[in-house]
Amino acid sequence: MSRAAFLGLGVCIGLLASLACDRKWDFECTAVWVDRKGAELSREVYSYPQMADERGATARCEKEMLEARPRGGKSATCHCVGQD
């Protein structure tokens, strides 16, 4: 393999790798509030299209979850899953 062909192949692989890293994902997050006894008070599902990563989707979920806190809500969890 010539040096130019090898260099061209390396550039192509680098471009493909950078495109894969820039991919945006659709996330579906489930927020659950529980009371002091551990009983579930509410469950909401939020959708976040075109997010760069799970951390961003989780941060948005937590913000919306705190705004929608039910009366008597003691603790909450937010679980996000990427969708194709």
PDB file of N, CA and C in Angstrom:
ATOM      1  N   MET A   1       0.855  -1.167   0.000  1.00  0.00           N
ATOM      2  CA  MET A   1       0.000   0.000   0.000  1.00  0.00           C
ATOM      3  C   MET A   1       0.900   1.230   0.000  1.00  0.00           C
ATOM      4  N   SER A   2       0.592   2.169  -0.857  1.00  0.00           N
ATOM      5  CA  SER A   2       1.422   3.368  -0.950  1.00  0.00           C
ATOM      6  C   SER A   2       1.162   4.290   0.240  1.00  0.00           C
ATOM      7  N   ARG A   3       2.083   5.188   0.439  1.00  0.00           N
ATOM      8  CA  ARG A   3       1.979   6.123   1.546  1.00  0.00           C
ATOM      9  C   ARG A   3       0.741   7.019   1.394  1.00  0.00           C
ATOM     10  N   ALA A   4       0.448   7.470   0.182  1.00  0.00           N
ATOM     11  CA  ALA A   4      -0.715   8.333  -0.069  1.00  0.00           C
ATOM     12  C   ALA A   4      -2.021   7.584   0.210  1.00  0.00           C
ATOM     13  N   ALA A   5      -2.094   6.325  -0.200  1.00  0.00           N
ATOM     14  CA  ALA A   5      -3.303   5.539   0.043  1.00  0.00           C
ATOM     15  C   ALA A   5      -3.497   5.310   1.542  1.00  0.00           C
ATOM     16  N   PHE A   6      -2.414   5.044   2.230  1.00  0.00           N
ATOM     17  CA  PHE A   6      -2.476   4.831   3.668  1.00  0.00           C
ATOM     18  C   PHE A   6      -2.932   6.105   4.383  1.00  0.00           C
ATOM     19  N   LEU A   7      -2.403   7.247   3.960  1.00  0.00           N
ATOM     20  CA  LEU A   7      -2.780   8.529   4.539  1.00  0.00           C
ATOM     21  C   LEU A   7      -4.259   8.830   4.263  1.00  0.00           C
ATOM     22  N   GLY A   8      -4.706   8.570   3.035  1.00  0.00           N
ATOM     23  CA  GLY A   8      -6.112   8.793   2.674  1.00  0.00           C
ATOM     24  C   GLY A   8      -7.049   7.923   3.488  1.00  0.00           C
ATOM     25  N   LEU A   9      -6.667   6.672   3.691  1.00  0.00           N
ATOM     26  CA  LEU A   9      -7.470   5.761   4.496  1.00  0.00           C
ATOM     27  C   LEU A   9      -7.566   6.255   5.937  1.00  0.00           C
ATOM     28  N   GLY A  10      -6.469   6.743   6.461  1.00  0.00           N
ATOM     29  CA  GLY A  10      -6.462   7.275   7.827  1.00  0.00           C
ATOM     30  C   GLY A  10      -7.371   8.482   7.973  1.00  0.00           C
ATOM     31  N   VAL A  11      -7.364   9.360   6.977  1.00  0.00           N
ATOM     32  CA  VAL A  11      -8.233  10.538   7.004  1.00  0.00           C
ATOM     33  C   VAL A  11      -9.701  10.119   6.955  1.00  0.00           C
ATOM     34  N   CYS A  12     -10.030   9.159   6.100  1.00  0.00           N
ATOM     35  CA  CYS A  12     -11.418   8.679   5.998  1.00  0.00           C
ATOM     36  C   CYS A  12     -11.896   8.070   7.309  1.00  0.00           C
ATOM     37  N   ILE A  13     -11.066   7.273   7.937  1.00  0.00           N
ATOM     38  CA  ILE A  13     -11.436   6.655   9.214  1.00  0.00           C
ATOM     39  C   ILE A  13     -11.628   7.731  10.277  1.00  0.00           C
ATOM     40  N   GLY A  14     -10.764   8.738  10.285  1.00  0.00           N
ATOM     41  CA  GLY A  14     -10.892   9.842  11.239  1.00  0.00           C
ATOM     42  C   GLY A  14     -12.181  10.619  11.055  1.00  0.00           C
ATOM     43  N   LEU A  15     -12.558  10.868   9.808  1.00  0.00           N
ATOM     44  CA  LEU A  15     -13.807  11.589   9.540  1.00  0.00           C
ATOM     45  C   LEU A  15     -15.022  10.782   9.984  1.00  0.00           C
ATOM     46  N   LEU A  16     -15.011   9.492   9.711  1.00  0.00           N
ATOM     47  CA  LEU A  16     -16.126   8.640  10.140  1.00  0.00           C
ATOM     48  C   LEU A  16     -16.242   8.598  11.660  1.00  0.00           C
ATOM     49  N   ALA A  17     -15.110   8.538  12.332  1.00  0.00           N
ATOM     50  CA  ALA A  17     -15.121   8.511  13.796  1.00  0.00           C
ATOM     51  C   ALA A  17     -15.664   9.818  14.363  1.00  0.00           C
ATOM     52  N   SER A  18     -15.299  10.945  13.768  1.00  0.00           N
ATOM     53  CA  SER A  18     -15.797  12.226  14.268  1.00  0.00           C
ATOM     54  C   SER A  18     -17.294  12.371  14.023  1.00  0.00           C
ATOM     55  N   LEU A  19     -17.793  11.845  12.920  1.00  0.00           N
ATOM     56  CA  LEU A  19     -19.234  11.890  12.658  1.00  0.00           C
ATOM     57  C   LEU A  19     -19.997  11.052  13.670  1.00  0.00           C
ATOM     58  N   ALA A  20     -19.447   9.916  14.037  1.00  0.00           N
ATOM     59  CA  ALA A  20     -20.102   9.047  15.016  1.00  0.00           C
ATOM     60  C   ALA A  20     -20.159   9.722  16.383  1.00  0.00           C
ATOM     61  N   CYS A  21     -19.140  10.491  16.739  1.00  0.00           N
ATOM     62  CA  CYS A  21     -19.111  11.169  18.033  1.00  0.00           C
ATOM     63  C   CYS A  21     -20.091  12.335  18.090  1.00  0.00           C
ATOM     64  N   ASP A  22     -20.417  12.926  16.960  1.00  0.00           N
ATOM     65  CA  ASP A  22     -21.318  14.073  16.918  1.00  0.00           C
ATOM     66  C   ASP A  22     -22.778  13.666  16.822  1.00  0.00           C
ATOM     67  N   ARG A  23     -23.070  12.405  16.928  1.00  0.00           N
ATOM     68  CA  ARG A  23     -24.442  11.926  16.777  1.00  0.00           C
ATOM     69  C   ARG A  23     -25.306  12.407  17.935  1.00  0.00           C
ATOM     70  N   LYS A  24     -26.502  12.816  17.615  1.00  0.00           N
ATOM     71  CA  LYS A  24     -27.474  13.234  18.625  1.00  0.00           C
ATOM     72  C   LYS A  24     -28.441  12.080  18.870  1.00  0.00           C
ATOM     73  N   TRP A  25     -28.906  11.967  20.083  1.00  0.00           N
ATOM     74  CA  TRP A  25     -29.796  10.880  20.471  1.00  0.00           C
ATOM     75  C   TRP A  25     -31.116  11.436  20.981  1.00  0.00           C
ATOM     76  N   ASP A  26     -32.156  10.654  20.836  1.00  0.00           N
ATOM     77  CA  ASP A  26     -33.436  10.950  21.464  1.00  0.00           C
ATOM     78  C   ASP A  26     -33.461  10.167  22.774  1.00  0.00           C
ATOM     79  N   PHE A  27     -33.782  10.855  23.867  1.00  0.00           N
ATOM     80  CA  PHE A  27     -33.817  10.199  25.172  1.00  0.00           C
ATOM     81  C   PHE A  27     -35.228  10.188  25.725  1.00  0.00           C
ATOM     82  N   GLU A  28     -35.572   9.099  26.372  1.00  0.00           N
ATOM     83  CA  GLU A  28     -36.829   8.985  27.100  1.00  0.00           C
ATOM     84  C   GLU A  28     -36.457   8.784  28.564  1.00  0.00           C
ATOM     85  N   CYS A  29     -36.929   9.698  29.409  1.00  0.00           N
ATOM     86  CA  CYS A  29     -36.578   9.661  30.822  1.00  0.00           C
ATOM     87  C   CYS A  29     -37.819   9.419  31.673  1.00  0.00           C
ATOM     88  N   THR A  30     -37.674   8.573  32.667  1.00  0.00           N
ATOM     89  CA  THR A  30     -38.762   8.274  33.596  1.00  0.00           C
ATOM     90  C   THR A  30     -38.397   8.833  34.965  1.00  0.00           C
ATOM     91  N   ALA A  31     -39.262   9.709  35.487  1.00  0.00           N
ATOM     92  CA  ALA A  31     -39.060  10.315  36.802  1.00  0.00           C
ATOM     93  C   ALA A  31     -40.076   9.725  37.771  1.00  0.00           C
ATOM     94  N   VAL A  32     -39.597   9.294  38.930  1.00  0.00           N
ATOM     95  CA  VAL A  32     -40.466   8.676  39.940  1.00  0.00           C
ATOM     96  C   VAL A  32     -40.258   9.392  41.275  1.00  0.00           C
ATOM     97  N   TRP A  33     -41.357   9.869  41.862  1.00  0.00           N
ATOM     98  CA  TRP A  33     -41.343  10.461  43.196  1.00  0.00           C
ATOM     99  C   TRP A  33     -41.888   9.448  44.196  1.00  0.00           C
ATOM    100  N   VAL A  34     -41.246   9.369  45.371  1.00  0.00           N
ATOM    101  CA  VAL A  34     -41.721   8.494  46.449  1.00  0.00           C
ATOM    102  C   VAL A  34     -41.901   9.314  47.729  1.00  0.00           C
ATOM    103  N   ASP A  35     -42.750   8.803  48.637  1.00  0.00           N
ATOM    104  CA  ASP A  35     -42.951   9.480  49.915  1.00  0.00           C
ATOM    105  C   ASP A  35     -41.972   8.933  50.951  1.00  0.00           C
ATOM    106  N   ARG A  36     -42.149   9.357  52.188  1.00  0.00           N
ATOM    107  CA  ARG A  36     -41.223   8.950  53.263  1.00  0.00           C
ATOM    108  C   ARG A  36     -41.220   7.455  53.527  1.00  0.00           C
ATOM    109  N   LYS A  37     -42.331   6.804  53.238  1.00  0.00           N
ATOM    110  CA  LYS A  37     -42.430   5.358  53.469  1.00  0.00           C
ATOM    111  C   LYS A  37     -41.980   4.540  52.264  1.00  0.00           C
ATOM    112  N   GLY A  38     -41.611   5.221  51.186  1.00  0.00           N
ATOM    113  CA  GLY A  38     -41.150   4.520  49.993  1.00  0.00           C
ATOM    114  C   GLY A  38     -42.241   4.204  48.988  1.00  0.00           C
ATOM    115  N   ALA A  39     -43.458   4.672  49.256  1.00  0.00           N
ATOM    116  CA  ALA A  39     -44.562   4.434  48.321  1.00  0.00           C
ATOM    117  C   ALA A  39     -44.472   5.415  47.148  1.00  0.00           C
ATOM    118  N   GLU A  40     -44.712   4.910  45.964  1.00  0.00           N
ATOM    119  CA  GLU A  40     -44.634   5.749  44.769  1.00  0.00           C
ATOM    120  C   GLU A  40     -45.793   6.746  44.746  1.00  0.00           C
ATOM    121  N   LEU A  41     -45.445   8.030  44.557  1.00  0.00           N
ATOM    122  CA  LEU A  41     -46.460   9.084  44.488  1.00  0.00           C
ATOM    123  C   LEU A  41     -46.809   9.443  43.052  1.00  0.00           C
ATOM    124  N   SER A  42     -45.796   9.518  42.223  1.00  0.00           N
ATOM    125  CA  SER A  42     -46.059   9.867  40.821  1.00  0.00           C
ATOM    126  C   SER A  42     -44.955   9.318  39.933  1.00  0.00           C
ATOM    127  N   ARG A  43     -45.315   9.148  38.679  1.00  0.00           N
ATOM    128  CA  ARG A  43     -44.372   8.667  37.664  1.00  0.00           C
ATOM    129  C   ARG A  43     -44.666   9.456  36.391  1.00  0.00           C
ATOM    130  N   GLU A  44     -43.642  10.113  35.867  1.00  0.00           N
ATOM    131  CA  GLU A  44     -43.781  10.900  34.636  1.00  0.00           C
ATOM    132  C   GLU A  44     -42.737  10.436  33.632  1.00  0.00           C
ATOM    133  N   VAL A  45     -43.098  10.469  32.366  1.00  0.00           N
ATOM    134  CA  VAL A  45     -42.160  10.132  31.294  1.00  0.00           C
ATOM    135  C   VAL A  45     -41.935  11.389  30.467  1.00  0.00           C
ATOM    136  N   TYR A  46     -40.666  11.761  30.320  1.00  0.00           N
ATOM    137  CA  TYR A  46     -40.285  12.937  29.545  1.00  0.00           C
ATOM    138  C   TYR A  46     -39.502  12.485  28.320  1.00  0.00           C
ATOM    139  N   SER A  47     -39.684  13.190  27.213  1.00  0.00           N
ATOM    140  CA  SER A  47     -38.940  12.894  25.981  1.00  0.00           C
ATOM    141  C   SER A  47     -38.078  14.090  25.625  1.00  0.00           C
ATOM    142  N   TYR A  48     -36.817  13.823  25.307  1.00  0.00           N
ATOM    143  CA  TYR A  48     -35.875  14.868  24.929  1.00  0.00           C
ATOM    144  C   TYR A  48     -35.222  14.486  23.604  1.00  0.00           C
ATOM    145  N   PRO A  49     -35.647  15.108  22.514  1.00  0.00           N
ATOM    146  CA  PRO A  49     -35.064  14.787  21.208  1.00  0.00           C
ATOM    147  C   PRO A  49     -33.729  15.490  20.991  1.00  0.00           C
ATOM    148  N   GLN A  50     -32.863  14.837  20.243  1.00  0.00           N
ATOM    149  CA  GLN A  50     -31.603  15.410  19.770  1.00  0.00           C
ATOM    150  C   GLN A  50     -30.692  15.924  20.885  1.00  0.00           C
ATOM    151  N   MET A  51     -30.472  15.104  21.904  1.00  0.00           N
ATOM    152  CA  MET A  51     -29.544  15.447  22.982  1.00  0.00           C
ATOM    153  C   MET A  51     -28.192  14.811  22.686  1.00  0.00           C
ATOM    154  N   ALA A  52     -27.128  15.489  23.083  1.00  0.00           N
ATOM    155  CA  ALA A  52     -25.778  15.008  22.801  1.00  0.00           C
ATOM    156  C   ALA A  52     -25.397  13.807  23.672  1.00  0.00           C
ATOM    157  N   ASP A  53     -25.862  13.802  24.929  1.00  0.00           N
ATOM    158  CA  ASP A  53     -25.493  12.699  25.816  1.00  0.00           C
ATOM    159  C   ASP A  53     -26.533  12.512  26.919  1.00  0.00           C
ATOM    160  N   GLU A  54     -26.355  11.449  27.674  1.00  0.00           N
ATOM    161  CA  GLU A  54     -27.307  11.100  28.728  1.00  0.00           C
ATOM    162  C   GLU A  54     -27.276  12.100  29.876  1.00  0.00           C
ATOM    163  N   ARG A  55     -26.110  12.681  30.145  1.00  0.00           N
ATOM    164  CA  ARG A  55     -26.020  13.651  31.245  1.00  0.00           C
ATOM    165  C   ARG A  55     -26.913  14.859  31.007  1.00  0.00           C
ATOM    166  N   GLY A  56     -26.939  15.354  29.761  1.00  0.00           N
ATOM    167  CA  GLY A  56     -27.792  16.494  29.429  1.00  0.00           C
ATOM    168  C   GLY A  56     -29.263  16.168  29.590  1.00  0.00           C
ATOM    169  N   ALA A  57     -29.656  14.981  29.142  1.00  0.00           N
ATOM    170  CA  ALA A  57     -31.051  14.555  29.271  1.00  0.00           C
ATOM    171  C   ALA A  57     -31.425  14.377  30.741  1.00  0.00           C
ATOM    172  N   THR A  58     -30.527  13.807  31.530  1.00  0.00           N
ATOM    173  CA  THR A  58     -30.799  13.605  32.951  1.00  0.00           C
ATOM    174  C   THR A  58     -30.927  14.940  33.674  1.00  0.00           C
ATOM    175  N   ALA A  59     -30.085  15.907  33.327  1.00  0.00           N
ATOM    176  CA  ALA A  59     -30.159  17.232  33.950  1.00  0.00           C
ATOM    177  C   ALA A  59     -31.499  17.901  33.649  1.00  0.00           C
ATOM    178  N   ARG A  60     -31.951  17.808  32.415  1.00  0.00           N
ATOM    179  CA  ARG A  60     -33.256  18.389  32.058  1.00  0.00           C
ATOM    180  C   ARG A  60     -34.383  17.673  32.786  1.00  0.00           C
ATOM    181  N   CYS A  61     -34.282  16.352  32.879  1.00  0.00           N
ATOM    182  CA  CYS A  61     -35.300  15.566  33.583  1.00  0.00           C
ATOM    183  C   CYS A  61     -35.366  15.978  35.051  1.00  0.00           C
ATOM    184  N   GLU A  62     -34.220  16.111  35.695  1.00  0.00           N
ATOM    185  CA  GLU A  62     -34.186  16.484  37.105  1.00  0.00           C
ATOM    186  C   GLU A  62     -34.783  17.868  37.325  1.00  0.00           C
ATOM    187  N   LYS A  63     -34.504  18.794  36.411  1.00  0.00           N
ATOM    188  CA  LYS A  63     -35.055  20.144  36.528  1.00  0.00           C
ATOM    189  C   LYS A  63     -36.581  20.112  36.427  1.00  0.00           C
ATOM    190  N   GLU A  64     -37.108  19.428  35.428  1.00  0.00           N
ATOM    191  CA  GLU A  64     -38.557  19.340  35.257  1.00  0.00           C
ATOM    192  C   GLU A  64     -39.205  18.561  36.399  1.00  0.00           C
ATOM    193  N   MET A  65     -38.497  17.554  36.889  1.00  0.00           N
ATOM    194  CA  MET A  65     -39.005  16.731  37.971  1.00  0.00           C
ATOM    195  C   MET A  65     -39.155  17.566  39.246  1.00  0.00           C
ATOM    196  N   LEU A  66     -38.181  18.420  39.535  1.00  0.00           N
ATOM    197  CA  LEU A  66     -38.256  19.264  40.727  1.00  0.00           C
ATOM    198  C   LEU A  66     -39.384  20.284  40.620  1.00  0.00           C
ATOM    199  N   GLU A  67     -39.629  20.785  39.414  1.00  0.00           N
ATOM    200  CA  GLU A  67     -40.721  21.737  39.210  1.00  0.00           C
ATOM    201  C   GLU A  67     -42.083  21.077  39.409  1.00  0.00           C
ATOM    202  N   ALA A  68     -42.181  19.786  39.143  1.00  0.00           N
ATOM    203  CA  ALA A  68     -43.455  19.061  39.244  1.00  0.00           C
ATOM    204  C   ALA A  68     -43.538  18.219  40.517  1.00  0.00           C
ATOM    205  N   ARG A  69     -42.819  18.619  41.547  1.00  0.00           N
ATOM    206  CA  ARG A  69     -42.782  17.834  42.788  1.00  0.00           C
ATOM    207  C   ARG A  69     -44.180  17.722  43.401  1.00  0.00           C
ATOM    208  N   PRO A  70     -44.625  16.490  43.648  1.00  0.00           N
ATOM    209  CA  PRO A  70     -45.950  16.313  44.258  1.00  0.00           C
ATOM    210  C   PRO A  70     -45.897  16.594  45.764  1.00  0.00           C
ATOM    211  N   ARG A  71     -47.040  16.902  46.317  1.00  0.00           N
ATOM    212  CA  ARG A  71     -47.108  17.142  47.752  1.00  0.00           C
ATOM    213  C   ARG A  71     -46.736  15.852  48.486  1.00  0.00           C
ATOM    214  N   GLY A  72     -45.847  15.977  49.454  1.00  0.00           N
ATOM    215  CA  GLY A  72     -45.412  14.812  50.214  1.00  0.00           C
ATOM    216  C   GLY A  72     -44.249  14.066  49.573  1.00  0.00           C
ATOM    217  N   GLY A  73     -43.751  14.559  48.442  1.00  0.00           N
ATOM    218  CA  GLY A  73     -42.629  13.907  47.766  1.00  0.00           C
ATOM    219  C   GLY A  73     -41.342  14.057  48.561  1.00  0.00           C
ATOM    220  N   LYS A  74     -40.748  12.965  48.916  1.00  0.00           N
ATOM    221  CA  LYS A  74     -39.529  12.974  49.736  1.00  0.00           C
ATOM    222  C   LYS A  74     -38.280  12.822  48.874  1.00  0.00           C
ATOM    223  N   SER A  75     -38.296  11.870  47.953  1.00  0.00           N
ATOM    224  CA  SER A  75     -37.134  11.655  47.093  1.00  0.00           C
ATOM    225  C   SER A  75     -37.602  11.239  45.705  1.00  0.00           C
ATOM    226  N   ALA A  76     -36.682  11.393  44.760  1.00  0.00           N
ATOM    227  CA  ALA A  76     -37.041  11.099  43.372  1.00  0.00           C
ATOM    228  C   ALA A  76     -35.845  10.529  42.632  1.00  0.00           C
ATOM    229  N   THR A  77     -36.152   9.795  41.588  1.00  0.00           N
ATOM    230  CA  THR A  77     -35.112   9.283  40.697  1.00  0.00           C
ATOM    231  C   THR A  77     -35.518   9.580  39.264  1.00  0.00           C
ATOM    232  N   CYS A  78     -34.515   9.726  38.434  1.00  0.00           N
ATOM    233  CA  CYS A  78     -34.748   9.975  37.018  1.00  0.00           C
ATOM    234  C   CYS A  78     -33.840   9.023  36.243  1.00  0.00           C
ATOM    235  N   HIS A  79     -34.436   8.196  35.408  1.00  0.00           N
ATOM    236  CA  HIS A  79     -33.681   7.215  34.631  1.00  0.00           C
ATOM    237  C   HIS A  79     -33.910   7.498  33.151  1.00  0.00           C
ATOM    238  N   CYS A  80     -32.808   7.733  32.414  1.00  0.00           N
ATOM    239  CA  CYS A  80     -32.908   8.070  30.990  1.00  0.00           C
ATOM    240  C   CYS A  80     -32.330   6.954  30.121  1.00  0.00           C
ATOM    241  N   VAL A  81     -33.003   6.703  28.997  1.00  0.00           N
ATOM    242  CA  VAL A  81     -32.579   5.675  28.051  1.00  0.00           C
ATOM    243  C   VAL A  81     -32.556   6.294  26.660  1.00  0.00           C
ATOM    244  N   GLY A  82     -31.451   6.089  25.938  1.00  0.00           N
ATOM    245  CA  GLY A  82     -31.339   6.601  24.576  1.00  0.00           C
ATOM    246  C   GLY A  82     -32.141   5.766  23.597  1.00  0.00           C
ATOM    247  N   GLN A  83     -32.764   6.440  22.655  1.00  0.00           N
ATOM    248  CA  GLN A  83     -33.567   5.786  21.618  1.00  0.00           C
ATOM    249  C   GLN A  83     -32.894   6.005  20.272  1.00  0.00           C
ATOM    250  N   ASP A  84     -32.999   5.043  19.371  1.00  0.00           N
ATOM    251  CA  ASP A  84     -32.464   5.212  18.013  1.00  0.00           C
ATOM    252  C   ASP A  84     -33.392   6.039  17.171  1.00  0.00           C
TER     253      ASP A  84
END
